[in-house]
Amino acid sequence: MNSTIAYNEDIYHKKWEDFYFEPISITTLPELTDPESYKNSFTFRDALLTAFEKLSGKKVLKLLLITPDLNTNAHFYGVAYLEGKEIHTATIQKTAIFKQWYACINDDEEDLAKPKLFNFSSNSYSYSPITTQKHGQIFEATGEFIADAIPNAFIAEQLAQEKADFIQPFIQLAADYDFEAIKANFEKLVAKNAWKVIPPTDNQKLYAEFEAEAGFAVPQLLKDFLSLHNGIENTRFLSAASMLKEWRDWQSVYTEWTQEELLDTYSTNEGKTLLMYTTPYWIPFFDLYNGNFIALDFAPTEKGIPGQVIRFGADQEIGYQEAESLNAFLEELLHSEEFEEFEDEY
């Protein structure tokens, strides 16, 4: 039997005996020199991912590790989700070094006897106990278990369409604004704080890159704002290149997450901003540090305003309106003691 099979709709109906769990030995684990190191769990994960990639000859998008329960299951099983929508299954031999490493990442002796389901990928590490219900699914409805855990990359087109369908009604790239008022308040801020403005540059190449990746042009409001500067020394205002970089980083999150993962219906705001962790229509222009940003929002809710200024980021479950417009945000900075505290950090 082949230990690698193509993923398709038929897999959902397969049983345990329909899969071939090839016996393998993990030879990618290094010598365990520091059992107390916090890095051990990640070293263990990376070694398993590397081993399955060597065996399959393909990149592993996700790896499930099923551990023994010492009753009905005495083995370690691996289910690897490979690039190209393939599944690779294997039984991991309990070599001395493998048992040593597994005992290390399970430092509670009683915990060793409890079956677990580990979920590994290049940027994630998690595990959960295998309940009686989950045990039944794994060993009786195996195809269903495998299908339920597929990585997002396996259904990327479907997930992308779901996100596009959700956000389409909210997109408003054309914002009403008074550029002369924005310019006047910006110049007041520069004069008040004796800032050194980095002169604006020709950003056409960056704008073209953005449009090619985003699927929409850089909004005119942002282009006009960047005609005033290309960043300001020792402030949190981003240059055009930095804006693109930060947008790309958040775009990668948006691409990898499902609509369900992005939407947070437990949090609340004033109903002016989508209950989302991030969207491609939030373009950062001001760095709050620690992964948090002020952005221009071009996909507001019905209570919001196109081009409104919002706060979002690593410490925010959803976006929050910071100001109704870019001009209002600049006016707030002119009179904000909090902003003066920001400057003191430099």
C-alpha atoms as a PDB file:
ATOM      1  CA  MET A   1       0.000   0.000   0.000  1.00  0.00           C
ATOM      2  CA  ASN A   2       1.018   3.600  -0.541  1.00  0.00           C
ATOM      3  CA  SER A   3       1.556   5.763   2.536  1.00  0.00           C
ATOM      4  CA  THR A   4       0.880   8.914   0.473  1.00  0.00           C
ATOM      5  CA  ILE A   5      -2.540   9.469  -1.069  1.00  0.00           C
ATOM      6  CA  ALA A   6      -4.239  12.391  -2.801  1.00  0.00           C
ATOM      7  CA  TYR A   7      -6.725  14.402  -0.810  1.00  0.00           C
ATOM      8  CA  ASN A   8     -10.211  14.446  -2.353  1.00  0.00           C
ATOM      9  CA  GLU A   9     -13.841  14.220  -1.298  1.00  0.00           C
ATOM     10  CA  ASP A  10     -13.677  10.413  -1.083  1.00  0.00           C
ATOM     11  CA  ILE A  11     -11.253  10.557   1.828  1.00  0.00           C
ATOM     12  CA  TYR A  12     -14.068  11.563   4.168  1.00  0.00           C
ATOM     13  CA  HIS A  13     -15.520   8.037   4.014  1.00  0.00           C
ATOM     14  CA  LYS A  14     -12.291   6.086   4.527  1.00  0.00           C
ATOM     15  CA  LYS A  15     -11.671   3.942   7.604  1.00  0.00           C
ATOM     16  CA  TRP A  16      -8.473   3.352   9.573  1.00  0.00           C
ATOM     17  CA  GLU A  17      -7.655   0.207   7.603  1.00  0.00           C
ATOM     18  CA  ASP A  18      -7.826   2.164   4.340  1.00  0.00           C
ATOM     19  CA  PHE A  19      -4.660   4.051   5.268  1.00  0.00           C
ATOM     20  CA  TYR A  20      -1.157   2.585   5.292  1.00  0.00           C
ATOM     21  CA  PHE A  21       0.846   3.784   8.290  1.00  0.00           C
ATOM     22  CA  GLU A  22       4.406   3.180   7.123  1.00  0.00           C
ATOM     23  CA  PRO A  23       6.806   2.372   9.995  1.00  0.00           C
ATOM     24  CA  ILE A  24       9.436   5.128  10.179  1.00  0.00           C
ATOM     25  CA  SER A  25      12.296   6.106  12.459  1.00  0.00           C
ATOM     26  CA  ILE A  26      12.822   9.786  13.277  1.00  0.00           C
ATOM     27  CA  THR A  27      16.523  10.430  12.627  1.00  0.00           C
ATOM     28  CA  THR A  28      16.363  14.226  12.696  1.00  0.00           C
ATOM     29  CA  LEU A  29      16.309  14.643  16.486  1.00  0.00           C
ATOM     30  CA  PRO A  30      19.561  16.068  17.906  1.00  0.00           C
ATOM     31  CA  GLU A  31      21.164  14.962  21.154  1.00  0.00           C
ATOM     32  CA  LEU A  32      19.152  16.277  24.099  1.00  0.00           C
ATOM     33  CA  THR A  33      21.635  18.480  25.988  1.00  0.00           C
ATOM     34  CA  ASP A  34      19.387  20.767  28.040  1.00  0.00           C
ATOM     35  CA  PRO A  35      16.153  19.091  29.220  1.00  0.00           C
ATOM     36  CA  GLU A  36      14.995  22.338  30.849  1.00  0.00           C
ATOM     37  CA  SER A  37      15.215  24.527  27.744  1.00  0.00           C
ATOM     38  CA  TYR A  38      11.980  26.194  26.663  1.00  0.00           C
ATOM     39  CA  LYS A  39      13.054  25.573  23.063  1.00  0.00           C
ATOM     40  CA  ASN A  40      12.759  21.792  23.330  1.00  0.00           C
ATOM     41  CA  SER A  41       9.129  21.622  22.238  1.00  0.00           C
ATOM     42  CA  PHE A  42       9.930  23.562  19.083  1.00  0.00           C
ATOM     43  CA  THR A  43      13.051  21.506  18.383  1.00  0.00           C
ATOM     44  CA  PHE A  44      10.929  18.354  18.680  1.00  0.00           C
ATOM     45  CA  ARG A  45       8.304  19.813  16.329  1.00  0.00           C
ATOM     46  CA  ASP A  46      10.843  20.938  13.741  1.00  0.00           C
ATOM     47  CA  ALA A  47      12.594  17.569  13.781  1.00  0.00           C
ATOM     48  CA  LEU A  48       9.335  15.755  13.048  1.00  0.00           C
ATOM     49  CA  LEU A  49       8.378  18.172  10.279  1.00  0.00           C
ATOM     50  CA  THR A  50      11.808  17.742   8.693  1.00  0.00           C
ATOM     51  CA  ALA A  51      11.615  13.954   8.963  1.00  0.00           C
ATOM     52  CA  PHE A  52       8.244  13.797   7.220  1.00  0.00           C
ATOM     53  CA  GLU A  53       9.463  16.156   4.505  1.00  0.00           C
ATOM     54  CA  LYS A  54      12.456  13.899   3.859  1.00  0.00           C
ATOM     55  CA  LEU A  55      10.220  10.829   3.721  1.00  0.00           C
ATOM     56  CA  SER A  56       7.595  12.335   1.442  1.00  0.00           C
ATOM     57  CA  GLY A  57       9.856  14.579  -0.621  1.00  0.00           C
ATOM     58  CA  LYS A  58       7.356  17.411  -0.192  1.00  0.00           C
ATOM     59  CA  LYS A  59       6.819  20.374   2.102  1.00  0.00           C
ATOM     60  CA  VAL A  60       4.685  19.561   5.136  1.00  0.00           C
ATOM     61  CA  LEU A  61       1.955  22.138   5.696  1.00  0.00           C
ATOM     62  CA  LYS A  62       0.677  20.502   8.865  1.00  0.00           C
ATOM     63  CA  LEU A  63       1.479  17.428  10.949  1.00  0.00           C
ATOM     64  CA  LEU A  64      -0.786  15.642  13.417  1.00  0.00           C
ATOM     65  CA  LEU A  65       0.924  13.435  16.022  1.00  0.00           C
ATOM     66  CA  ILE A  66      -1.303  10.882  17.755  1.00  0.00           C
ATOM     67  CA  THR A  67       0.271   9.553  20.963  1.00  0.00           C
ATOM     68  CA  PRO A  68      -0.352   6.171  22.674  1.00  0.00           C
ATOM     69  CA  ASP A  69      -3.018   5.605  25.314  1.00  0.00           C
ATOM     70  CA  LEU A  70      -1.324   2.398  26.513  1.00  0.00           C
ATOM     71  CA  ASN A  71      -4.629   0.530  26.222  1.00  0.00           C
ATOM     72  CA  THR A  72      -6.072   0.264  22.710  1.00  0.00           C
ATOM     73  CA  ASN A  73      -3.292   2.264  21.028  1.00  0.00           C
ATOM     74  CA  ALA A  74       0.352   1.522  21.820  1.00  0.00           C
ATOM     75  CA  HIS A  75       1.879   3.479  18.928  1.00  0.00           C
ATOM     76  CA  PHE A  76       2.730   6.997  17.826  1.00  0.00           C
ATOM     77  CA  TYR A  77       1.027   7.844  14.550  1.00  0.00           C
ATOM     78  CA  GLY A  78       1.730  10.758  12.234  1.00  0.00           C
ATOM     79  CA  VAL A  79      -0.602  12.302   9.659  1.00  0.00           C
ATOM     80  CA  ALA A  80       1.182  14.806   7.422  1.00  0.00           C
ATOM     81  CA  TYR A  81      -0.612  17.210   5.096  1.00  0.00           C
ATOM     82  CA  LEU A  82       1.665  17.847   2.131  1.00  0.00           C
ATOM     83  CA  GLU A  83       1.868  20.524  -0.519  1.00  0.00           C
ATOM     84  CA  GLY A  84      -0.043  19.452  -3.593  1.00  0.00           C
ATOM     85  CA  LYS A  85      -2.999  18.321  -1.444  1.00  0.00           C
ATOM     86  CA  GLU A  86      -1.612  14.947  -0.401  1.00  0.00           C
ATOM     87  CA  ILE A  87      -1.768  13.008   2.872  1.00  0.00           C
ATOM     88  CA  HIS A  88       1.158  10.981   4.229  1.00  0.00           C
ATOM     89  CA  THR A  89       0.593   8.561   7.116  1.00  0.00           C
ATOM     90  CA  ALA A  90       3.186   6.781   9.242  1.00  0.00           C
ATOM     91  CA  THR A  91       3.793   4.848  12.442  1.00  0.00           C
ATOM     92  CA  ILE A  92       6.705   6.362  14.380  1.00  0.00           C
ATOM     93  CA  GLN A  93       9.061   3.828  15.895  1.00  0.00           C
ATOM     94  CA  LYS A  94       9.731   4.337  19.599  1.00  0.00           C
ATOM     95  CA  THR A  95      13.499   4.621  19.416  1.00  0.00           C
ATOM     96  CA  ALA A  96      15.474   5.555  22.526  1.00  0.00           C
ATOM     97  CA  ILE A  97      16.065   9.138  21.385  1.00  0.00           C
ATOM     98  CA  PHE A  98      12.433   9.624  20.326  1.00  0.00           C
ATOM     99  CA  LYS A  99      11.175   8.407  23.717  1.00  0.00           C
ATOM    100  CA  GLN A 100      13.728  10.628  25.470  1.00  0.00           C
ATOM    101  CA  TRP A 101      12.548  13.715  23.594  1.00  0.00           C
ATOM    102  CA  TYR A 102       8.870  12.925  24.032  1.00  0.00           C
ATOM    103  CA  ALA A 103       9.368  12.432  27.773  1.00  0.00           C
ATOM    104  CA  CYS A 104      11.187  15.766  27.860  1.00  0.00           C
ATOM    105  CA  ILE A 105       8.314  17.753  26.377  1.00  0.00           C
ATOM    106  CA  ASN A 106       5.908  15.929  28.733  1.00  0.00           C
ATOM    107  CA  ASP A 107       7.587  16.676  32.041  1.00  0.00           C
ATOM    108  CA  ASP A 108       4.687  15.282  34.097  1.00  0.00           C
ATOM    109  CA  GLU A 109       5.059  11.488  34.424  1.00  0.00           C
ATOM    110  CA  GLU A 110       1.301  10.999  34.793  1.00  0.00           C
ATOM    111  CA  ASP A 111       0.810  13.132  31.701  1.00  0.00           C
ATOM    112  CA  LEU A 112       2.918  10.709  29.655  1.00  0.00           C
ATOM    113  CA  ALA A 113       0.249   8.024  29.906  1.00  0.00           C
ATOM    114  CA  LYS A 114      -2.520  10.299  28.635  1.00  0.00           C
ATOM    115  CA  PRO A 115      -3.124  10.239  24.871  1.00  0.00           C
ATOM    116  CA  LYS A 116      -2.745  13.556  23.083  1.00  0.00           C
ATOM    117  CA  LEU A 117      -3.201  15.012  19.651  1.00  0.00           C
ATOM    118  CA  PHE A 118      -0.359  17.350  18.674  1.00  0.00           C
ATOM    119  CA  ASN A 119      -0.823  19.863  15.888  1.00  0.00           C
ATOM    120  CA  PHE A 120       2.425  21.065  14.287  1.00  0.00           C
ATOM    121  CA  SER A 121       3.200  23.493  11.485  1.00  0.00           C
ATOM    122  CA  SER A 122       6.180  25.700  10.740  1.00  0.00           C
ATOM    123  CA  ASN A 123       4.738  28.524  12.830  1.00  0.00           C
ATOM    124  CA  SER A 124       2.458  26.770  15.322  1.00  0.00           C
ATOM    125  CA  TYR A 125       2.643  24.225  18.131  1.00  0.00           C
ATOM    126  CA  SER A 126      -0.338  22.997  20.103  1.00  0.00           C
ATOM    127  CA  TYR A 127      -1.821  19.875  21.623  1.00  0.00           C
ATOM    128  CA  SER A 128      -5.030  18.698  23.225  1.00  0.00           C
ATOM    129  CA  PRO A 129      -6.101  15.561  25.099  1.00  0.00           C
ATOM    130  CA  ILE A 130      -7.662  12.798  23.065  1.00  0.00           C
ATOM    131  CA  THR A 131     -11.111  12.382  24.557  1.00  0.00           C
ATOM    132  CA  THR A 132     -13.195   9.240  24.215  1.00  0.00           C
ATOM    133  CA  GLN A 133     -15.182  10.919  21.440  1.00  0.00           C
ATOM    134  CA  LYS A 134     -12.048  12.048  19.609  1.00  0.00           C
ATOM    135  CA  HIS A 135     -10.498   8.588  20.010  1.00  0.00           C
ATOM    136  CA  GLY A 136     -13.527   7.058  18.319  1.00  0.00           C
ATOM    137  CA  GLN A 137     -13.284   9.490  15.427  1.00  0.00           C
ATOM    138  CA  ILE A 138      -9.545   8.894  14.945  1.00  0.00           C
ATOM    139  CA  PHE A 139      -9.696   5.110  14.865  1.00  0.00           C
ATOM    140  CA  GLU A 140     -13.188   4.492  13.523  1.00  0.00           C
ATOM    141  CA  ALA A 141     -13.986   7.476  11.271  1.00  0.00           C
ATOM    142  CA  THR A 142     -10.400   8.166  10.267  1.00  0.00           C
ATOM    143  CA  GLY A 143     -11.173   9.800   6.936  1.00  0.00           C
ATOM    144  CA  GLU A 144     -13.577  12.180   8.636  1.00  0.00           C
ATOM    145  CA  PHE A 145     -10.917  12.989  11.256  1.00  0.00           C
ATOM    146  CA  ILE A 146      -8.305  13.693   8.579  1.00  0.00           C
ATOM    147  CA  ALA A 147     -10.702  15.739   6.445  1.00  0.00           C
ATOM    148  CA  ASP A 148     -11.808  17.859   9.407  1.00  0.00           C
ATOM    149  CA  ALA A 149      -8.198  18.843  10.150  1.00  0.00           C
ATOM    150  CA  ILE A 150      -7.030  19.820   6.666  1.00  0.00           C
ATOM    151  CA  PRO A 151      -4.878  22.982   6.522  1.00  0.00           C
ATOM    152  CA  ASN A 152      -6.381  26.090   4.986  1.00  0.00           C
ATOM    153  CA  ALA A 153      -4.069  25.742   1.995  1.00  0.00           C
ATOM    154  CA  PHE A 154      -6.038  22.662   0.871  1.00  0.00           C
ATOM    155  CA  ILE A 155      -9.159  24.762   0.318  1.00  0.00           C
ATOM    156  CA  ALA A 156      -7.508  28.130  -0.298  1.00  0.00           C
ATOM    157  CA  GLU A 157      -9.749  29.098  -3.217  1.00  0.00           C
ATOM    158  CA  GLN A 158     -12.926  28.359  -1.285  1.00  0.00           C
ATOM    159  CA  LEU A 159     -11.722  30.280   1.770  1.00  0.00           C
ATOM    160  CA  ALA A 160     -10.614  33.243  -0.340  1.00  0.00           C
ATOM    161  CA  GLN A 161     -14.048  33.393  -1.965  1.00  0.00           C
ATOM    162  CA  GLU A 162     -15.776  33.314   1.432  1.00  0.00           C
ATOM    163  CA  LYS A 163     -13.697  36.288   2.587  1.00  0.00           C
ATOM    164  CA  ALA A 164     -14.256  38.167  -0.660  1.00  0.00           C
ATOM    165  CA  ASP A 165     -18.019  37.620  -0.465  1.00  0.00           C
ATOM    166  CA  PHE A 166     -18.094  38.862   3.133  1.00  0.00           C
ATOM    167  CA  ILE A 167     -16.104  42.057   2.690  1.00  0.00           C
ATOM    168  CA  GLN A 168     -17.289  43.133  -0.764  1.00  0.00           C
ATOM    169  CA  PRO A 169     -20.373  45.082   0.478  1.00  0.00           C
ATOM    170  CA  PHE A 170     -18.193  47.194   2.796  1.00  0.00           C
ATOM    171  CA  ILE A 171     -15.442  48.298   0.385  1.00  0.00           C
ATOM    172  CA  GLN A 172     -15.376  52.078  -0.218  1.00  0.00           C
ATOM    173  CA  LEU A 173     -12.080  53.259  -1.670  1.00  0.00           C
ATOM    174  CA  ALA A 174     -13.253  56.795  -2.465  1.00  0.00           C
ATOM    175  CA  ALA A 175     -13.161  58.958   0.667  1.00  0.00           C
ATOM    176  CA  ASP A 176     -14.359  62.541   0.988  1.00  0.00           C
ATOM    177  CA  TYR A 177     -11.664  64.782   2.496  1.00  0.00           C
ATOM    178  CA  ASP A 178     -10.283  68.305   2.531  1.00  0.00           C
ATOM    179  CA  PHE A 179      -6.653  67.968   1.511  1.00  0.00           C
ATOM    180  CA  GLU A 180      -5.865  71.625   2.250  1.00  0.00           C
ATOM    181  CA  ALA A 181      -7.048  71.134   5.844  1.00  0.00           C
ATOM    182  CA  ILE A 182      -4.974  67.948   6.151  1.00  0.00           C
ATOM    183  CA  LYS A 183      -1.925  69.781   4.805  1.00  0.00           C
ATOM    184  CA  ALA A 184      -2.431  72.742   7.159  1.00  0.00           C
ATOM    185  CA  ASN A 185      -2.716  70.557  10.278  1.00  0.00           C
ATOM    186  CA  PHE A 186       0.240  68.444   9.193  1.00  0.00           C
ATOM    187  CA  GLU A 187       2.387  71.549   8.776  1.00  0.00           C
ATOM    188  CA  LYS A 188       1.275  72.808  12.210  1.00  0.00           C
ATOM    189  CA  LEU A 189       2.344  69.496  13.763  1.00  0.00           C
ATOM    190  CA  VAL A 190       5.723  69.681  12.040  1.00  0.00           C
ATOM    191  CA  ALA A 191       6.302  73.259  13.189  1.00  0.00           C
ATOM    192  CA  LYS A 192       5.099  72.662  16.760  1.00  0.00           C
ATOM    193  CA  ASN A 193       7.355  69.649  17.282  1.00  0.00           C
ATOM    194  CA  ALA A 194      10.285  70.793  15.126  1.00  0.00           C
ATOM    195  CA  TRP A 195      10.093  67.530  13.212  1.00  0.00           C
ATOM    196  CA  LYS A 196      12.460  66.635  10.441  1.00  0.00           C
ATOM    197  CA  VAL A 197      10.268  65.556   7.546  1.00  0.00           C
ATOM    198  CA  ILE A 198      11.717  63.090   5.078  1.00  0.00           C
ATOM    199  CA  PRO A 199      10.890  64.599   1.671  1.00  0.00           C
ATOM    200  CA  PRO A 200       8.221  62.809  -0.382  1.00  0.00           C
ATOM    201  CA  THR A 201       9.425  60.661  -3.271  1.00  0.00           C
ATOM    202  CA  ASP A 202       8.015  59.137  -6.419  1.00  0.00           C
ATOM    203  CA  ASN A 203       6.122  56.122  -5.072  1.00  0.00           C
ATOM    204  CA  GLN A 204       4.749  54.847  -8.388  1.00  0.00           C
ATOM    205  CA  LYS A 205       6.726  51.600  -8.189  1.00  0.00           C
ATOM    206  CA  LEU A 206       5.449  50.911  -4.665  1.00  0.00           C
ATOM    207  CA  TYR A 207       1.905  51.789  -5.689  1.00  0.00           C
ATOM    208  CA  ALA A 208       2.132  49.378  -8.620  1.00  0.00           C
ATOM    209  CA  GLU A 209       3.388  46.608  -6.325  1.00  0.00           C
ATOM    210  CA  PHE A 210       0.547  47.267  -3.907  1.00  0.00           C
ATOM    211  CA  GLU A 211      -2.095  47.177  -6.647  1.00  0.00           C
ATOM    212  CA  ALA A 212      -0.691  43.936  -8.083  1.00  0.00           C
ATOM    213  CA  GLU A 213      -0.863  42.260  -4.660  1.00  0.00           C
ATOM    214  CA  ALA A 214      -4.026  43.850  -3.286  1.00  0.00           C
ATOM    215  CA  GLY A 215      -6.157  43.808  -6.408  1.00  0.00           C
ATOM    216  CA  PHE A 216      -7.083  47.464  -5.944  1.00  0.00           C
ATOM    217  CA  ALA A 217      -5.258  50.766  -6.348  1.00  0.00           C
ATOM    218  CA  VAL A 218      -3.791  52.755  -3.468  1.00  0.00           C
ATOM    219  CA  PRO A 219      -6.605  55.097  -2.391  1.00  0.00           C
ATOM    220  CA  GLN A 220      -6.120  58.730  -3.404  1.00  0.00           C
ATOM    221  CA  LEU A 221      -6.344  59.904   0.217  1.00  0.00           C
ATOM    222  CA  LEU A 222      -3.211  57.949   1.062  1.00  0.00           C
ATOM    223  CA  LYS A 223      -1.410  59.105  -2.075  1.00  0.00           C
ATOM    224  CA  ASP A 224      -2.170  62.727  -1.216  1.00  0.00           C
ATOM    225  CA  PHE A 225      -0.968  62.271   2.361  1.00  0.00           C
ATOM    226  CA  LEU A 226       2.283  60.761   1.103  1.00  0.00           C
ATOM    227  CA  SER A 227       2.773  63.796  -1.106  1.00  0.00           C
ATOM    228  CA  LEU A 228       3.535  65.636   2.163  1.00  0.00           C
ATOM    229  CA  HIS A 229       6.208  63.285   3.509  1.00  0.00           C
ATOM    230  CA  ASN A 230       7.981  59.965   3.204  1.00  0.00           C
ATOM    231  CA  GLY A 231       8.121  59.387   6.917  1.00  0.00           C
ATOM    232  CA  ILE A 232       9.172  61.749   9.708  1.00  0.00           C
ATOM    233  CA  GLU A 233      12.337  61.156  11.701  1.00  0.00           C
ATOM    234  CA  ASN A 234      11.849  60.071  15.331  1.00  0.00           C
ATOM    235  CA  THR A 235       8.069  59.809  15.042  1.00  0.00           C
ATOM    236  CA  ARG A 236       5.664  56.987  14.472  1.00  0.00           C
ATOM    237  CA  PHE A 237       4.614  58.088  10.993  1.00  0.00           C
ATOM    238  CA  LEU A 238       5.545  55.418   8.452  1.00  0.00           C
ATOM    239  CA  SER A 239       7.305  55.940   5.140  1.00  0.00           C
ATOM    240  CA  ALA A 240       5.671  54.641   1.962  1.00  0.00           C
ATOM    241  CA  ALA A 241       7.926  51.570   1.965  1.00  0.00           C
ATOM    242  CA  SER A 242       7.167  50.877   5.647  1.00  0.00           C
ATOM    243  CA  MET A 243       3.449  51.169   4.998  1.00  0.00           C
ATOM    244  CA  LEU A 244       3.725  48.591   2.226  1.00  0.00           C
ATOM    245  CA  LYS A 245       5.768  46.271   4.422  1.00  0.00           C
ATOM    246  CA  GLU A 246       3.318  46.425   7.325  1.00  0.00           C
ATOM    247  CA  TRP A 247       0.343  46.021   4.982  1.00  0.00           C
ATOM    248  CA  ARG A 248       2.001  42.926   3.494  1.00  0.00           C
ATOM    249  CA  ASP A 249       2.564  41.427   6.944  1.00  0.00           C
ATOM    250  CA  TRP A 250      -1.106  41.854   7.828  1.00  0.00           C
ATOM    251  CA  GLN A 251      -2.182  40.701   4.386  1.00  0.00           C
ATOM    252  CA  SER A 252      -0.363  37.419   5.034  1.00  0.00           C
ATOM    253  CA  VAL A 253      -2.420  36.981   8.219  1.00  0.00           C
ATOM    254  CA  TYR A 254      -5.620  37.745   6.315  1.00  0.00           C
ATOM    255  CA  THR A 255      -4.677  35.252   3.600  1.00  0.00           C
ATOM    256  CA  GLU A 256      -3.810  32.440   6.021  1.00  0.00           C
ATOM    257  CA  TRP A 257      -6.812  32.826   8.329  1.00  0.00           C
ATOM    258  CA  THR A 258     -10.361  31.818   7.503  1.00  0.00           C
ATOM    259  CA  GLN A 259     -13.256  34.264   7.613  1.00  0.00           C
ATOM    260  CA  GLU A 260     -14.442  32.518  10.766  1.00  0.00           C
ATOM    261  CA  GLU A 261     -11.032  32.989  12.394  1.00  0.00           C
ATOM    262  CA  LEU A 262     -10.840  36.655  11.386  1.00  0.00           C
ATOM    263  CA  LEU A 263     -14.340  37.552  12.587  1.00  0.00           C
ATOM    264  CA  ASP A 264     -14.725  38.173  16.327  1.00  0.00           C
ATOM    265  CA  THR A 265     -18.384  38.279  17.315  1.00  0.00           C
ATOM    266  CA  TYR A 266     -17.557  38.295  21.029  1.00  0.00           C
ATOM    267  CA  SER A 267     -15.967  41.752  20.991  1.00  0.00           C
ATOM    268  CA  THR A 268     -17.813  45.025  20.473  1.00  0.00           C
ATOM    269  CA  ASN A 269     -17.051  48.489  19.195  1.00  0.00           C
ATOM    270  CA  GLU A 270     -19.248  51.425  18.239  1.00  0.00           C
ATOM    271  CA  GLY A 271     -20.408  49.651  15.105  1.00  0.00           C
ATOM    272  CA  LYS A 272     -18.252  51.858  12.892  1.00  0.00           C
ATOM    273  CA  THR A 273     -15.558  49.281  12.183  1.00  0.00           C
ATOM    274  CA  LEU A 274     -15.807  45.662  11.099  1.00  0.00           C
ATOM    275  CA  LEU A 275     -15.512  43.090  13.876  1.00  0.00           C
ATOM    276  CA  MET A 276     -12.398  41.755  12.200  1.00  0.00           C
ATOM    277  CA  TYR A 277      -8.836  41.130  13.325  1.00  0.00           C
ATOM    278  CA  THR A 278      -7.532  42.569  10.061  1.00  0.00           C
ATOM    279  CA  THR A 279      -8.589  43.240   6.464  1.00  0.00           C
ATOM    280  CA  PRO A 280      -6.669  44.239   3.291  1.00  0.00           C
ATOM    281  CA  TYR A 281      -8.564  47.536   3.373  1.00  0.00           C
ATOM    282  CA  TRP A 282      -6.918  48.698   6.594  1.00  0.00           C
ATOM    283  CA  ILE A 283      -3.687  50.408   5.521  1.00  0.00           C
ATOM    284  CA  PRO A 284      -1.285  51.224   8.401  1.00  0.00           C
ATOM    285  CA  PHE A 285       0.354  54.660   8.408  1.00  0.00           C
ATOM    286  CA  PHE A 286       1.260  55.155  12.092  1.00  0.00           C
ATOM    287  CA  ASP A 287       3.140  52.658  14.279  1.00  0.00           C
ATOM    288  CA  LEU A 288       1.934  52.147  17.865  1.00  0.00           C
ATOM    289  CA  TYR A 289       4.666  49.516  18.357  1.00  0.00           C
ATOM    290  CA  ASN A 290       4.415  45.935  19.623  1.00  0.00           C
ATOM    291  CA  GLY A 291       2.469  44.986  16.503  1.00  0.00           C
ATOM    292  CA  ASN A 292      -0.218  47.642  16.828  1.00  0.00           C
ATOM    293  CA  PHE A 293      -1.024  50.345  14.269  1.00  0.00           C
ATOM    294  CA  ILE A 294      -3.163  53.288  13.295  1.00  0.00           C
ATOM    295  CA  ALA A 295      -4.605  52.787   9.813  1.00  0.00           C
ATOM    296  CA  LEU A 296      -6.875  54.286   7.197  1.00  0.00           C
ATOM    297  CA  ASP A 297     -10.022  52.175   6.826  1.00  0.00           C
ATOM    298  CA  PHE A 298     -11.547  51.714   3.383  1.00  0.00           C
ATOM    299  CA  ALA A 299     -14.040  49.013   4.376  1.00  0.00           C
ATOM    300  CA  PRO A 300     -16.092  50.631   7.168  1.00  0.00           C
ATOM    301  CA  THR A 301     -19.469  49.438   8.389  1.00  0.00           C
ATOM    302  CA  GLU A 302     -22.671  51.317   7.622  1.00  0.00           C
ATOM    303  CA  LYS A 303     -22.060  53.522  10.691  1.00  0.00           C
ATOM    304  CA  GLY A 304     -18.465  54.216   9.713  1.00  0.00           C
ATOM    305  CA  ILE A 305     -16.918  56.631   7.227  1.00  0.00           C
ATOM    306  CA  PRO A 306     -14.666  55.718   4.260  1.00  0.00           C
ATOM    307  CA  GLY A 307     -11.124  56.814   5.076  1.00  0.00           C
ATOM    308  CA  GLN A 308     -11.767  56.865   8.820  1.00  0.00           C
ATOM    309  CA  VAL A 309      -8.782  56.353  11.103  1.00  0.00           C
ATOM    310  CA  ILE A 310      -8.797  53.133  13.114  1.00  0.00           C
ATOM    311  CA  ARG A 311      -6.651  51.293  15.647  1.00  0.00           C
ATOM    312  CA  PHE A 312      -5.889  47.599  15.172  1.00  0.00           C
ATOM    313  CA  GLY A 313      -3.104  45.110  15.768  1.00  0.00           C
ATOM    314  CA  ALA A 314      -1.663  42.278  17.788  1.00  0.00           C
ATOM    315  CA  ASP A 315      -3.277  43.445  21.047  1.00  0.00           C
ATOM    316  CA  GLN A 316      -6.662  44.226  19.473  1.00  0.00           C
ATOM    317  CA  GLU A 317      -9.238  41.535  18.772  1.00  0.00           C
ATOM    318  CA  ILE A 318     -11.002  43.868  16.321  1.00  0.00           C
ATOM    319  CA  GLY A 319     -10.607  47.336  14.815  1.00  0.00           C
ATOM    320  CA  TYR A 320     -11.706  50.474  16.661  1.00  0.00           C
ATOM    321  CA  GLN A 321     -12.374  53.920  15.252  1.00  0.00           C
ATOM    322  CA  GLU A 322      -9.717  56.370  16.442  1.00  0.00           C
ATOM    323  CA  ALA A 323     -10.955  59.411  14.506  1.00  0.00           C
ATOM    324  CA  GLU A 324     -13.605  60.104  11.858  1.00  0.00           C
ATOM    325  CA  SER A 325     -11.005  61.305   9.364  1.00  0.00           C
ATOM    326  CA  LEU A 326      -7.311  61.775   8.802  1.00  0.00           C
ATOM    327  CA  ASN A 327      -7.709  65.498   9.381  1.00  0.00           C
ATOM    328  CA  ALA A 328      -9.467  64.854  12.706  1.00  0.00           C
ATOM    329  CA  PHE A 329      -6.652  62.512  13.716  1.00  0.00           C
ATOM    330  CA  LEU A 330      -4.014  65.159  12.965  1.00  0.00           C
ATOM    331  CA  GLU A 331      -5.996  67.718  14.969  1.00  0.00           C
ATOM    332  CA  GLU A 332      -6.080  65.308  17.912  1.00  0.00           C
ATOM    333  CA  LEU A 333      -2.311  64.912  17.722  1.00  0.00           C
ATOM    334  CA  LEU A 334      -1.907  68.674  17.899  1.00  0.00           C
ATOM    335  CA  HIS A 335      -3.558  68.695  21.324  1.00  0.00           C
ATOM    336  CA  SER A 336      -2.659  65.215  22.605  1.00  0.00           C
ATOM    337  CA  GLU A 337      -0.510  64.825  25.714  1.00  0.00           C
ATOM    338  CA  GLU A 338      -0.443  61.111  24.983  1.00  0.00           C
ATOM    339  CA  PHE A 339       1.301  61.776  21.687  1.00  0.00           C
ATOM    340  CA  GLU A 340       3.923  63.854  23.499  1.00  0.00           C
ATOM    341  CA  GLU A 341       4.565  60.817  25.715  1.00  0.00           C
ATOM    342  CA  PHE A 342       5.030  58.719  22.562  1.00  0.00           C
ATOM    343  CA  GLU A 343       7.721  61.114  21.369  1.00  0.00           C
ATOM    344  CA  ASP A 344       9.585  60.873  24.677  1.00  0.00           C
ATOM    345  CA  GLU A 345      10.325  57.208  23.948  1.00  0.00           C
ATOM    346  CA  TYR A 346      12.819  58.101  21.224  1.00  0.00           C
END
